[in-house]
């Protein structure tokens, strides 16, 4: 009759005056170690030890997001999509590292030197009088002849695909793997998108290496 009584009790409305206390030794939380996998535990440890995102990283991700929207027809991608594009197998390992460090502002240029007494001049561009030598300046504005020549050659090669060369900025370089070029009928062009990422990233990395 225990099952019958349990069924009757389960179908009854809860009594608001009924207070059930769970002894602390039975109030267990978290994962059961005997069944948890190593992958699950590692994922949780990483989640708990995750450090807050750097301000420079947040700024560069926003720059890349709006570049993808304005120049690459890719909408407004999430941070996860941007980071996933940085790890594209279309690029060499050196180029992936270059994009990753660029996104995190990890190169020792520009403002990095402004806080080191006696080395402030290293933060200025040697070719453009008084301009801060940031990655944005090196890729977009610097008077270095190799910068202009490399971007010109890249644009000429791209236009052979019959597509318009987008406005080239720091954000466009970071978000190049999110390009979503389509035909006049709206069909995606995966080959063109792949070429664009390789062309833009390789050109930007070459400008940086020559610099």
N, C-alpha and C. Protein backbone atom coordinates (compact mmCIF):
# COMPACT_ATOMS: atom_id res chain seq x y z
N UNK A 1 0.80 -1.22 0.00
CA UNK A 1 0.00 0.00 0.00
C UNK A 1 0.82 1.26 0.00
N UNK A 2 2.15 1.14 0.14
CA UNK A 2 3.01 2.33 0.18
C UNK A 2 2.97 3.08 -1.15
N UNK A 3 2.98 2.32 -2.24
CA UNK A 3 2.94 2.96 -3.56
C UNK A 3 1.62 3.70 -3.76
N UNK A 4 0.53 3.11 -3.30
CA UNK A 4 -0.78 3.74 -3.46
C UNK A 4 -0.86 5.04 -2.67
N UNK A 5 -0.36 5.03 -1.45
CA UNK A 5 -0.37 6.23 -0.61
C UNK A 5 0.55 7.32 -1.20
N UNK A 6 1.68 6.88 -1.73
CA UNK A 6 2.61 7.85 -2.34
C UNK A 6 1.98 8.53 -3.54
N UNK A 7 1.22 7.76 -4.32
CA UNK A 7 0.54 8.33 -5.49
C UNK A 7 -0.51 9.35 -5.06
N UNK A 8 -1.27 9.01 -4.00
CA UNK A 8 -2.27 9.95 -3.50
C UNK A 8 -1.60 11.23 -2.99
N UNK A 9 -0.51 11.07 -2.30
CA UNK A 9 0.20 12.25 -1.77
C UNK A 9 0.78 13.12 -2.87
N UNK A 10 1.26 12.48 -3.92
CA UNK A 10 1.86 13.24 -5.02
C UNK A 10 0.82 14.04 -5.79
N UNK A 11 -0.41 13.55 -5.82
CA UNK A 11 -1.46 14.24 -6.57
C UNK A 11 -2.13 15.36 -5.77
N UNK A 12 -1.85 15.44 -4.48
CA UNK A 12 -2.46 16.47 -3.63
C UNK A 12 -1.74 17.81 -3.80
N UNK A 13 -2.43 18.90 -3.55
CA UNK A 13 -1.83 20.22 -3.55
C UNK A 13 -0.85 20.35 -2.39
N UNK A 14 0.21 21.14 -2.63
CA UNK A 14 1.21 21.31 -1.58
C UNK A 14 0.63 22.07 -0.40
N UNK A 15 0.96 21.63 0.79
CA UNK A 15 0.49 22.30 2.02
C UNK A 15 1.44 23.47 2.32
N UNK A 16 0.95 24.72 2.29
CA UNK A 16 1.84 25.86 2.56
C UNK A 16 2.42 25.86 3.96
N UNK A 17 1.79 25.14 4.88
CA UNK A 17 2.29 25.09 6.25
C UNK A 17 3.32 23.98 6.46
N UNK A 18 3.53 23.21 5.40
CA UNK A 18 4.47 22.10 5.53
C UNK A 18 5.89 22.60 5.28
N UNK A 19 6.77 22.41 6.23
CA UNK A 19 8.15 22.86 6.13
C UNK A 19 9.07 21.65 6.20
N UNK A 20 9.79 21.42 5.13
CA UNK A 20 10.70 20.28 5.09
C UNK A 20 12.13 20.79 5.19
N UNK A 21 12.85 20.30 6.16
CA UNK A 21 14.25 20.68 6.35
C UNK A 21 15.15 19.55 5.88
N UNK A 22 16.14 19.89 5.06
CA UNK A 22 17.10 18.90 4.57
C UNK A 22 18.35 18.98 5.43
N UNK A 23 18.72 17.90 6.08
CA UNK A 23 19.95 17.91 6.88
C UNK A 23 21.15 18.28 6.00
N UNK A 24 22.09 19.08 6.53
CA UNK A 24 23.25 19.52 5.72
C UNK A 24 24.02 18.37 5.08
N UNK A 25 24.08 17.23 5.76
CA UNK A 25 24.87 16.12 5.19
C UNK A 25 24.21 15.49 3.97
N UNK A 26 22.90 15.79 3.76
CA UNK A 26 22.19 15.28 2.58
C UNK A 26 22.01 16.35 1.51
N UNK A 27 22.31 17.61 1.83
CA UNK A 27 22.14 18.72 0.88
C UNK A 27 23.41 18.86 0.05
N UNK A 28 23.61 17.95 -0.86
CA UNK A 28 24.85 17.90 -1.64
C UNK A 28 24.74 18.76 -2.90
N UNK A 29 25.83 19.44 -3.26
CA UNK A 29 25.89 20.27 -4.46
C UNK A 29 27.12 19.90 -5.27
N UNK A 30 27.14 20.38 -6.53
CA UNK A 30 28.30 20.15 -7.38
C UNK A 30 28.25 18.83 -8.12
N UNK A 31 29.35 18.50 -8.76
CA UNK A 31 29.42 17.29 -9.59
C UNK A 31 29.75 16.07 -8.73
N UNK A 32 29.26 14.93 -9.14
CA UNK A 32 29.57 13.68 -8.48
C UNK A 32 30.91 13.17 -9.01
N UNK A 33 31.92 13.14 -8.15
CA UNK A 33 33.28 12.87 -8.61
C UNK A 33 33.42 11.47 -9.21
N UNK A 34 32.60 10.53 -8.76
CA UNK A 34 32.72 9.17 -9.27
C UNK A 34 32.25 9.04 -10.71
N UNK A 35 31.46 10.02 -11.18
CA UNK A 35 30.94 9.95 -12.56
C UNK A 35 31.42 11.10 -13.43
N UNK A 36 32.02 12.14 -12.85
CA UNK A 36 32.47 13.31 -13.63
C UNK A 36 33.68 12.94 -14.48
N UNK A 37 33.69 13.42 -15.72
CA UNK A 37 34.82 13.16 -16.61
C UNK A 37 35.90 14.21 -16.41
N UNK A 38 37.11 13.90 -16.88
CA UNK A 38 38.21 14.86 -16.77
C UNK A 38 37.92 16.12 -17.59
N UNK A 39 37.28 15.95 -18.75
CA UNK A 39 36.96 17.10 -19.60
C UNK A 39 35.99 18.04 -18.88
N UNK A 40 34.99 17.47 -18.20
CA UNK A 40 34.02 18.28 -17.48
C UNK A 40 34.67 19.06 -16.34
N UNK A 41 35.53 18.38 -15.58
CA UNK A 41 36.20 19.04 -14.46
C UNK A 41 37.15 20.13 -14.94
N UNK A 42 37.88 19.86 -16.03
CA UNK A 42 38.80 20.86 -16.58
C UNK A 42 38.05 22.09 -17.06
N UNK A 43 36.91 21.87 -17.70
CA UNK A 43 36.09 22.98 -18.19
C UNK A 43 35.61 23.86 -17.03
N UNK A 44 35.20 23.23 -15.95
CA UNK A 44 34.72 24.00 -14.79
C UNK A 44 35.85 24.75 -14.11
N UNK A 45 37.02 24.13 -14.01
CA UNK A 45 38.18 24.81 -13.41
C UNK A 45 38.56 26.04 -14.22
N UNK A 46 38.55 25.91 -15.55
CA UNK A 46 38.88 27.05 -16.41
C UNK A 46 37.84 28.15 -16.29
N UNK A 47 36.58 27.75 -16.16
CA UNK A 47 35.51 28.76 -16.03
C UNK A 47 35.68 29.57 -14.75
N UNK A 48 36.03 28.89 -13.66
CA UNK A 48 36.16 29.57 -12.38
C UNK A 48 37.42 30.42 -12.29
N UNK A 49 38.46 30.03 -13.03
CA UNK A 49 39.72 30.77 -12.95
C UNK A 49 39.88 31.77 -14.09
N UNK A 50 38.82 32.00 -14.86
CA UNK A 50 38.90 32.90 -16.01
C UNK A 50 39.12 34.34 -15.53
N UNK A 51 40.09 34.99 -16.12
CA UNK A 51 40.41 36.37 -15.74
C UNK A 51 39.54 37.35 -16.54
N UNK A 52 39.28 38.51 -15.96
CA UNK A 52 38.48 39.51 -16.70
C UNK A 52 39.20 39.95 -17.96
N UNK A 53 38.44 40.26 -19.00
CA UNK A 53 39.01 40.64 -20.29
C UNK A 53 39.67 42.01 -20.20
N UNK A 54 40.83 42.14 -20.85
CA UNK A 54 41.57 43.40 -20.84
C UNK A 54 40.80 44.45 -21.63
N UNK A 55 40.98 45.71 -21.19
CA UNK A 55 40.29 46.82 -21.87
C UNK A 55 40.69 46.91 -23.33
N UNK A 56 41.99 46.74 -23.61
CA UNK A 56 42.47 46.82 -24.99
C UNK A 56 41.84 45.73 -25.85
N UNK A 57 41.66 44.54 -25.28
CA UNK A 57 41.03 43.45 -26.02
C UNK A 57 39.59 43.79 -26.35
N UNK A 58 38.86 44.33 -25.37
CA UNK A 58 37.47 44.71 -25.59
C UNK A 58 37.35 45.75 -26.70
N UNK A 59 38.24 46.73 -26.70
CA UNK A 59 38.22 47.78 -27.72
C UNK A 59 38.47 47.19 -29.11
N UNK A 60 39.48 46.33 -29.22
CA UNK A 60 39.82 45.75 -30.52
C UNK A 60 38.72 44.81 -31.03
N UNK A 61 38.07 44.10 -30.12
CA UNK A 61 36.96 43.24 -30.54
C UNK A 61 35.80 44.08 -31.07
N UNK A 62 35.53 45.21 -30.44
CA UNK A 62 34.47 46.09 -30.93
C UNK A 62 34.83 46.69 -32.29
N UNK A 63 36.09 47.07 -32.45
CA UNK A 63 36.56 47.60 -33.74
C UNK A 63 36.37 46.55 -34.83
N UNK A 64 36.76 45.30 -34.52
CA UNK A 64 36.61 44.21 -35.49
C UNK A 64 35.15 43.92 -35.78
N UNK A 65 34.31 43.99 -34.76
CA UNK A 65 32.89 43.69 -34.93
C UNK A 65 32.23 44.66 -35.90
N UNK A 66 32.53 45.94 -35.73
CA UNK A 66 31.90 46.95 -36.60
C UNK A 66 32.54 46.97 -37.99
N UNK A 67 33.81 46.59 -38.07
CA UNK A 67 34.44 46.45 -39.39
C UNK A 67 33.78 45.31 -40.17
N UNK A 68 33.49 44.20 -39.47
CA UNK A 68 32.81 43.07 -40.11
C UNK A 68 31.43 43.49 -40.59
N UNK A 69 30.77 44.33 -39.82
CA UNK A 69 29.42 44.79 -40.19
C UNK A 69 29.47 45.79 -41.36
N UNK A 70 30.38 46.75 -41.30
CA UNK A 70 30.40 47.84 -42.27
C UNK A 70 31.11 47.49 -43.57
N UNK A 71 32.14 46.62 -43.52
CA UNK A 71 32.97 46.39 -44.70
C UNK A 71 32.92 44.95 -45.23
N UNK A 72 32.54 43.98 -44.38
CA UNK A 72 32.65 42.58 -44.79
C UNK A 72 31.30 41.87 -44.88
N UNK A 73 30.21 42.61 -44.71
CA UNK A 73 28.85 42.07 -44.86
C UNK A 73 28.60 40.88 -43.93
N UNK A 74 29.18 40.91 -42.74
CA UNK A 74 29.12 39.77 -41.83
C UNK A 74 28.25 40.03 -40.61
N UNK A 75 27.44 41.06 -40.63
CA UNK A 75 26.61 41.36 -39.46
C UNK A 75 27.44 41.83 -38.30
N UNK A 76 26.97 41.59 -37.09
CA UNK A 76 27.70 41.95 -35.87
C UNK A 76 28.08 40.65 -35.15
N UNK A 77 29.25 40.10 -35.44
CA UNK A 77 29.64 38.81 -34.86
C UNK A 77 29.91 38.91 -33.37
N UNK A 78 29.74 37.82 -32.67
CA UNK A 78 30.05 37.75 -31.25
C UNK A 78 31.56 37.65 -31.05
N UNK A 79 32.00 37.85 -29.80
CA UNK A 79 33.41 37.70 -29.49
C UNK A 79 33.88 36.29 -29.82
N UNK A 80 33.04 35.30 -29.53
CA UNK A 80 33.42 33.91 -29.79
C UNK A 80 33.66 33.66 -31.27
N UNK A 81 32.82 34.25 -32.14
CA UNK A 81 33.00 34.07 -33.59
C UNK A 81 34.28 34.74 -34.07
N UNK A 82 34.59 35.90 -33.51
CA UNK A 82 35.82 36.60 -33.91
C UNK A 82 37.03 35.77 -33.52
N UNK A 83 37.07 35.26 -32.29
CA UNK A 83 38.21 34.46 -31.84
C UNK A 83 38.31 33.16 -32.64
N UNK A 84 37.16 32.59 -33.00
CA UNK A 84 37.18 31.37 -33.80
C UNK A 84 37.80 31.63 -35.17
N UNK A 85 37.49 32.79 -35.77
CA UNK A 85 38.06 33.14 -37.08
C UNK A 85 39.56 33.35 -37.00
N UNK A 86 40.07 33.78 -35.84
CA UNK A 86 41.51 33.98 -35.69
C UNK A 86 42.28 32.66 -35.75
N UNK A 87 41.59 31.56 -35.45
CA UNK A 87 42.24 30.25 -35.43
C UNK A 87 42.04 29.49 -36.75
N UNK A 88 41.68 30.20 -37.79
CA UNK A 88 41.38 29.56 -39.08
C UNK A 88 42.56 28.75 -39.60
N UNK A 89 42.25 27.56 -40.14
CA UNK A 89 43.29 26.71 -40.73
C UNK A 89 43.79 27.25 -42.07
N UNK A 90 43.13 28.31 -42.58
CA UNK A 90 43.59 28.91 -43.84
C UNK A 90 44.91 29.66 -43.65
N UNK A 91 45.25 29.98 -42.41
CA UNK A 91 46.42 30.81 -42.13
C UNK A 91 47.56 29.97 -41.58
N UNK A 92 48.77 30.51 -41.70
CA UNK A 92 49.92 29.84 -41.09
C UNK A 92 49.91 30.09 -39.58
N UNK A 93 50.70 29.32 -38.87
CA UNK A 93 50.76 29.48 -37.41
C UNK A 93 51.24 30.88 -37.03
N UNK A 94 52.23 31.40 -37.75
CA UNK A 94 52.75 32.74 -37.45
C UNK A 94 51.68 33.80 -37.65
N UNK A 95 50.87 33.63 -38.69
CA UNK A 95 49.81 34.61 -38.95
C UNK A 95 48.71 34.53 -37.90
N UNK A 96 48.40 33.33 -37.42
CA UNK A 96 47.39 33.20 -36.36
C UNK A 96 47.88 33.84 -35.06
N UNK A 97 49.16 33.64 -34.75
CA UNK A 97 49.74 34.27 -33.56
C UNK A 97 49.72 35.79 -33.71
N UNK A 98 50.04 36.26 -34.90
CA UNK A 98 50.04 37.71 -35.18
C UNK A 98 48.66 38.31 -34.93
N UNK A 99 47.60 37.67 -35.45
CA UNK A 99 46.24 38.17 -35.25
C UNK A 99 45.85 38.13 -33.78
N UNK A 100 46.23 37.05 -33.10
CA UNK A 100 45.87 36.90 -31.69
C UNK A 100 46.52 38.00 -30.84
N UNK A 101 47.81 38.22 -31.06
CA UNK A 101 48.51 39.25 -30.28
C UNK A 101 48.02 40.64 -30.65
N UNK A 102 47.67 40.84 -31.91
CA UNK A 102 47.12 42.12 -32.33
C UNK A 102 45.80 42.40 -31.60
N UNK A 103 44.95 41.40 -31.52
CA UNK A 103 43.65 41.57 -30.86
C UNK A 103 43.82 41.92 -29.39
N UNK A 104 44.81 41.32 -28.75
CA UNK A 104 45.06 41.57 -27.32
C UNK A 104 46.03 42.74 -27.08
N UNK A 105 46.42 43.42 -28.17
CA UNK A 105 47.37 44.54 -28.05
C UNK A 105 48.64 44.08 -27.31
N UNK A 106 49.16 42.94 -27.75
CA UNK A 106 50.27 42.31 -27.04
C UNK A 106 51.66 42.69 -27.52
N UNK A 107 51.77 43.57 -28.51
CA UNK A 107 53.09 43.96 -29.00
C UNK A 107 53.61 45.18 -28.23
N UNK A 108 54.90 45.19 -28.00
CA UNK A 108 55.52 46.26 -27.19
C UNK A 108 55.85 47.45 -28.08
N UNK A 109 54.82 48.18 -28.43
CA UNK A 109 54.97 49.38 -29.26
C UNK A 109 54.06 50.46 -28.71
N UNK A 110 54.24 51.68 -29.21
CA UNK A 110 53.34 52.77 -28.84
C UNK A 110 53.34 53.11 -27.37
N UNK A 111 52.18 53.06 -26.75
CA UNK A 111 52.02 53.49 -25.35
C UNK A 111 52.80 52.63 -24.37
N UNK A 112 53.21 51.45 -24.79
CA UNK A 112 53.98 50.59 -23.90
C UNK A 112 55.22 51.31 -23.38
N UNK A 113 55.84 52.13 -24.26
CA UNK A 113 57.10 52.79 -23.90
C UNK A 113 56.89 54.11 -23.16
N UNK A 114 55.68 54.62 -23.14
CA UNK A 114 55.46 55.93 -22.52
C UNK A 114 55.63 55.89 -21.00
N UNK A 115 55.57 54.71 -20.40
CA UNK A 115 55.72 54.59 -18.95
C UNK A 115 57.11 54.17 -18.52
N UNK A 116 58.04 54.12 -19.47
CA UNK A 116 59.42 53.72 -19.15
C UNK A 116 60.32 54.94 -19.34
N UNK A 117 60.80 55.55 -18.24
CA UNK A 117 61.62 56.77 -18.35
C UNK A 117 62.85 56.56 -19.22
N UNK A 118 63.06 57.49 -20.12
CA UNK A 118 64.22 57.44 -21.01
C UNK A 118 63.98 56.70 -22.31
N UNK A 119 62.84 56.04 -22.44
CA UNK A 119 62.55 55.26 -23.64
C UNK A 119 61.27 55.72 -24.34
N UNK A 120 60.80 56.90 -23.98
CA UNK A 120 59.53 57.38 -24.54
C UNK A 120 59.56 57.51 -26.06
N UNK A 121 60.72 57.83 -26.62
CA UNK A 121 60.83 58.03 -28.07
C UNK A 121 60.56 56.75 -28.84
N UNK A 122 60.74 55.61 -28.20
CA UNK A 122 60.50 54.35 -28.88
C UNK A 122 59.02 54.15 -29.19
N UNK A 123 58.18 54.90 -28.53
CA UNK A 123 56.75 54.79 -28.76
C UNK A 123 56.25 55.62 -29.92
N UNK A 124 57.16 56.37 -30.56
CA UNK A 124 56.78 57.23 -31.68
C UNK A 124 57.26 56.64 -33.00
N UNK A 125 56.50 56.88 -34.04
CA UNK A 125 56.86 56.39 -35.37
C UNK A 125 58.09 57.12 -35.88
N UNK A 126 59.14 56.41 -36.34
CA UNK A 126 60.35 57.07 -36.83
C UNK A 126 60.16 57.75 -38.18
N UNK A 127 59.06 57.47 -38.88
CA UNK A 127 58.83 58.03 -40.21
C UNK A 127 57.81 59.16 -40.20
N UNK A 128 56.88 59.12 -39.25
CA UNK A 128 55.82 60.13 -39.17
C UNK A 128 56.05 60.96 -37.92
N UNK A 129 56.42 62.17 -38.07
CA UNK A 129 56.85 63.04 -36.97
C UNK A 129 55.77 63.14 -35.88
N UNK A 130 56.12 62.66 -34.69
CA UNK A 130 55.25 62.82 -33.53
C UNK A 130 54.09 61.86 -33.43
N UNK A 131 53.92 60.96 -34.40
CA UNK A 131 52.78 60.04 -34.37
C UNK A 131 53.10 58.81 -33.51
N UNK A 132 52.13 58.38 -32.73
CA UNK A 132 52.31 57.19 -31.92
C UNK A 132 52.39 55.96 -32.82
N UNK A 133 53.35 55.10 -32.54
CA UNK A 133 53.57 53.91 -33.38
C UNK A 133 52.70 52.74 -32.90
N UNK A 134 51.43 52.84 -33.16
CA UNK A 134 50.50 51.76 -32.82
C UNK A 134 50.32 50.86 -34.04
N UNK A 135 49.72 49.69 -33.81
CA UNK A 135 49.45 48.80 -34.95
C UNK A 135 48.48 49.45 -35.92
N UNK A 136 47.56 50.21 -35.38
CA UNK A 136 46.61 50.91 -36.25
C UNK A 136 47.35 51.88 -37.16
N UNK A 137 48.32 52.61 -36.61
CA UNK A 137 49.09 53.56 -37.41
C UNK A 137 49.92 52.82 -38.46
N UNK A 138 50.57 51.74 -38.04
CA UNK A 138 51.45 51.00 -38.95
C UNK A 138 50.68 50.43 -40.14
N UNK A 139 49.46 49.95 -39.91
CA UNK A 139 48.69 49.30 -40.98
C UNK A 139 47.84 50.26 -41.79
N UNK A 140 47.44 51.38 -41.20
CA UNK A 140 46.49 52.26 -41.87
C UNK A 140 47.07 53.58 -42.37
N UNK A 141 48.00 54.18 -41.63
CA UNK A 141 48.34 55.58 -41.88
C UNK A 141 49.80 55.85 -42.19
N UNK A 142 50.70 54.96 -41.77
CA UNK A 142 52.13 55.26 -41.83
C UNK A 142 52.60 55.58 -43.25
N UNK A 143 53.59 56.45 -43.35
CA UNK A 143 54.13 56.87 -44.64
C UNK A 143 55.14 55.88 -45.21
N UNK A 144 55.38 54.78 -44.52
CA UNK A 144 56.34 53.78 -45.01
C UNK A 144 55.94 53.31 -46.40
N UNK A 145 56.84 53.35 -47.38
CA UNK A 145 56.47 52.99 -48.77
C UNK A 145 56.02 51.54 -48.91
N UNK A 146 56.58 50.64 -48.08
CA UNK A 146 56.18 49.23 -48.21
C UNK A 146 54.73 49.01 -47.81
N UNK A 147 54.22 49.80 -46.88
CA UNK A 147 52.82 49.66 -46.47
C UNK A 147 51.89 49.95 -47.66
N UNK A 148 52.12 51.07 -48.30
CA UNK A 148 51.26 51.45 -49.43
C UNK A 148 51.42 50.48 -50.59
N UNK A 149 52.65 50.04 -50.85
CA UNK A 149 52.87 49.13 -51.98
C UNK A 149 52.21 47.77 -51.76
N UNK A 150 52.31 47.24 -50.55
CA UNK A 150 51.73 45.93 -50.26
C UNK A 150 50.22 45.98 -50.36
N UNK A 151 49.59 47.01 -49.80
CA UNK A 151 48.13 47.11 -49.88
C UNK A 151 47.67 47.34 -51.32
N UNK A 152 48.46 48.06 -52.11
CA UNK A 152 48.11 48.30 -53.52
C UNK A 152 48.12 46.98 -54.29
N UNK A 153 49.17 46.18 -54.09
CA UNK A 153 49.26 44.89 -54.77
C UNK A 153 48.13 43.95 -54.33
N UNK A 154 47.81 43.98 -53.04
CA UNK A 154 46.73 43.13 -52.53
C UNK A 154 45.39 43.54 -53.16
N UNK A 155 45.17 44.85 -53.26
CA UNK A 155 43.91 45.33 -53.86
C UNK A 155 43.82 44.93 -55.33
N UNK A 156 44.92 45.06 -56.06
CA UNK A 156 44.90 44.71 -57.48
C UNK A 156 44.61 43.22 -57.67
N UNK A 157 45.19 42.39 -56.83
CA UNK A 157 44.93 40.95 -56.93
C UNK A 157 43.48 40.63 -56.59
N UNK A 158 42.94 41.28 -55.57
CA UNK A 158 41.56 41.04 -55.16
C UNK A 158 40.56 41.47 -56.23
N UNK A 159 40.83 42.60 -56.88
CA UNK A 159 39.90 43.11 -57.88
C UNK A 159 39.83 42.21 -59.11
N UNK A 160 40.81 41.32 -59.27
CA UNK A 160 40.74 40.34 -60.36
C UNK A 160 39.58 39.36 -60.15
N UNK A 161 39.09 39.28 -58.90
CA UNK A 161 37.93 38.42 -58.61
C UNK A 161 36.63 39.13 -58.97
N UNK A 162 36.72 40.37 -59.43
CA UNK A 162 35.52 41.11 -59.78
C UNK A 162 34.77 41.66 -58.58
N UNK A 163 35.46 41.77 -57.43
CA UNK A 163 34.85 42.28 -56.21
C UNK A 163 35.54 43.57 -55.78
N UNK A 164 34.80 44.40 -55.07
CA UNK A 164 35.33 45.68 -54.64
C UNK A 164 36.20 45.50 -53.39
N UNK A 165 37.32 46.16 -53.38
CA UNK A 165 38.24 46.10 -52.24
C UNK A 165 37.65 46.93 -51.08
N UNK A 166 37.41 46.31 -49.92
CA UNK A 166 36.80 47.06 -48.81
C UNK A 166 37.79 48.02 -48.16
N UNK A 167 37.25 48.91 -47.35
CA UNK A 167 38.10 49.85 -46.61
C UNK A 167 38.97 49.08 -45.65
N UNK A 168 40.30 49.25 -45.76
CA UNK A 168 41.22 48.44 -44.98
C UNK A 168 41.58 49.16 -43.68
N UNK A 169 41.20 48.56 -42.55
CA UNK A 169 41.49 49.10 -41.23
C UNK A 169 42.03 47.98 -40.34
N UNK A 170 42.42 48.36 -39.14
CA UNK A 170 42.85 47.35 -38.17
C UNK A 170 41.74 46.35 -37.91
N UNK A 171 40.51 46.84 -37.79
CA UNK A 171 39.37 45.96 -37.55
C UNK A 171 39.11 45.02 -38.71
N UNK A 172 39.30 45.50 -39.95
CA UNK A 172 39.11 44.66 -41.13
C UNK A 172 40.10 43.50 -41.13
N UNK A 173 41.33 43.77 -40.70
CA UNK A 173 42.35 42.72 -40.66
C UNK A 173 41.96 41.66 -39.62
N UNK A 174 41.57 42.10 -38.43
CA UNK A 174 41.21 41.15 -37.37
C UNK A 174 40.00 40.32 -37.79
N UNK A 175 39.03 40.95 -38.44
CA UNK A 175 37.77 40.27 -38.80
C UNK A 175 37.79 39.68 -40.19
N UNK A 176 38.94 39.62 -40.84
CA UNK A 176 39.00 39.16 -42.23
C UNK A 176 38.46 37.75 -42.42
N UNK A 177 38.56 36.91 -41.40
CA UNK A 177 38.06 35.55 -41.50
C UNK A 177 36.55 35.44 -41.45
N UNK A 178 35.86 36.55 -41.22
CA UNK A 178 34.40 36.57 -41.16
C UNK A 178 33.76 37.11 -42.43
N UNK A 179 34.58 37.41 -43.43
CA UNK A 179 34.06 37.98 -44.68
C UNK A 179 32.97 37.08 -45.26
N UNK A 180 31.92 37.70 -45.75
CA UNK A 180 30.78 36.94 -46.28
C UNK A 180 30.36 37.52 -47.63
N UNK A 181 31.25 37.45 -48.61
CA UNK A 181 30.96 37.96 -49.94
C UNK A 181 30.04 36.99 -50.67
N UNK A 182 29.13 37.54 -51.48
CA UNK A 182 28.13 36.72 -52.17
C UNK A 182 28.03 37.14 -53.62
N UNK A 183 27.42 36.28 -54.42
CA UNK A 183 27.17 36.59 -55.82
C UNK A 183 25.98 37.54 -55.92
N UNK A 184 25.71 38.00 -57.13
CA UNK A 184 24.56 38.89 -57.33
C UNK A 184 23.24 38.21 -56.99
N UNK A 185 23.24 36.87 -57.00
CA UNK A 185 22.03 36.12 -56.67
C UNK A 185 21.95 35.78 -55.18
N UNK A 186 22.94 36.25 -54.41
CA UNK A 186 22.91 36.01 -52.97
C UNK A 186 23.56 34.71 -52.53
N UNK A 187 24.26 34.03 -53.44
CA UNK A 187 24.92 32.78 -53.07
C UNK A 187 26.30 33.07 -52.52
N UNK A 188 26.64 32.41 -51.40
CA UNK A 188 27.94 32.63 -50.77
C UNK A 188 29.08 32.21 -51.69
N UNK A 189 30.21 32.91 -51.53
CA UNK A 189 31.40 32.61 -52.30
C UNK A 189 32.52 32.18 -51.35
N UNK A 190 32.52 30.93 -50.93
CA UNK A 190 33.51 30.47 -49.95
C UNK A 190 34.94 30.62 -50.42
N UNK A 191 35.18 30.41 -51.73
CA UNK A 191 36.53 30.57 -52.25
C UNK A 191 37.02 32.01 -52.13
N UNK A 192 36.14 32.96 -52.45
CA UNK A 192 36.51 34.37 -52.35
C UNK A 192 36.72 34.77 -50.90
N UNK A 193 35.87 34.26 -50.02
CA UNK A 193 36.01 34.59 -48.59
C UNK A 193 37.34 34.05 -48.04
N UNK A 194 37.70 32.85 -48.47
CA UNK A 194 38.96 32.25 -48.02
C UNK A 194 40.15 33.03 -48.57
N UNK A 195 40.08 33.41 -49.84
CA UNK A 195 41.15 34.19 -50.45
C UNK A 195 41.31 35.53 -49.74
N UNK A 196 40.19 36.16 -49.40
CA UNK A 196 40.26 37.47 -48.75
C UNK A 196 40.98 37.37 -47.41
N UNK A 197 40.67 36.36 -46.62
CA UNK A 197 41.33 36.21 -45.32
C UNK A 197 42.83 35.98 -45.49
N UNK A 198 43.20 35.11 -46.41
CA UNK A 198 44.62 34.82 -46.64
C UNK A 198 45.34 36.06 -47.14
N UNK A 199 44.73 36.75 -48.10
CA UNK A 199 45.36 37.92 -48.71
C UNK A 199 45.55 39.05 -47.70
N UNK A 200 44.51 39.35 -46.94
CA UNK A 200 44.57 40.46 -45.98
C UNK A 200 45.52 40.16 -44.83
N UNK A 201 45.41 38.97 -44.27
CA UNK A 201 46.25 38.62 -43.12
C UNK A 201 47.72 38.53 -43.52
N UNK A 202 47.99 37.91 -44.66
CA UNK A 202 49.38 37.79 -45.12
C UNK A 202 49.98 39.16 -45.41
N UNK A 203 49.19 40.06 -46.00
CA UNK A 203 49.68 41.40 -46.31
C UNK A 203 49.97 42.17 -45.03
N UNK A 204 49.05 42.11 -44.07
CA UNK A 204 49.25 42.83 -42.81
C UNK A 204 50.46 42.27 -42.06
N UNK A 205 50.60 40.96 -42.06
CA UNK A 205 51.75 40.35 -41.37
C UNK A 205 53.06 40.73 -42.05
N UNK A 206 53.06 40.81 -43.37
CA UNK A 206 54.27 41.20 -44.10
C UNK A 206 54.64 42.65 -43.78
N UNK A 207 53.65 43.52 -43.72
CA UNK A 207 53.91 44.93 -43.36
C UNK A 207 54.54 44.99 -41.96
N UNK A 208 54.00 44.20 -41.04
CA UNK A 208 54.52 44.19 -39.67
C UNK A 208 55.97 43.64 -39.63
N UNK A 209 56.22 42.55 -40.36
CA UNK A 209 57.56 41.96 -40.36
C UNK A 209 58.58 42.92 -40.95
N UNK A 210 58.23 43.57 -42.06
CA UNK A 210 59.15 44.53 -42.69
C UNK A 210 59.41 45.71 -41.76
N UNK A 211 58.40 46.09 -41.00
CA UNK A 211 58.55 47.20 -40.08
C UNK A 211 59.51 46.84 -38.95
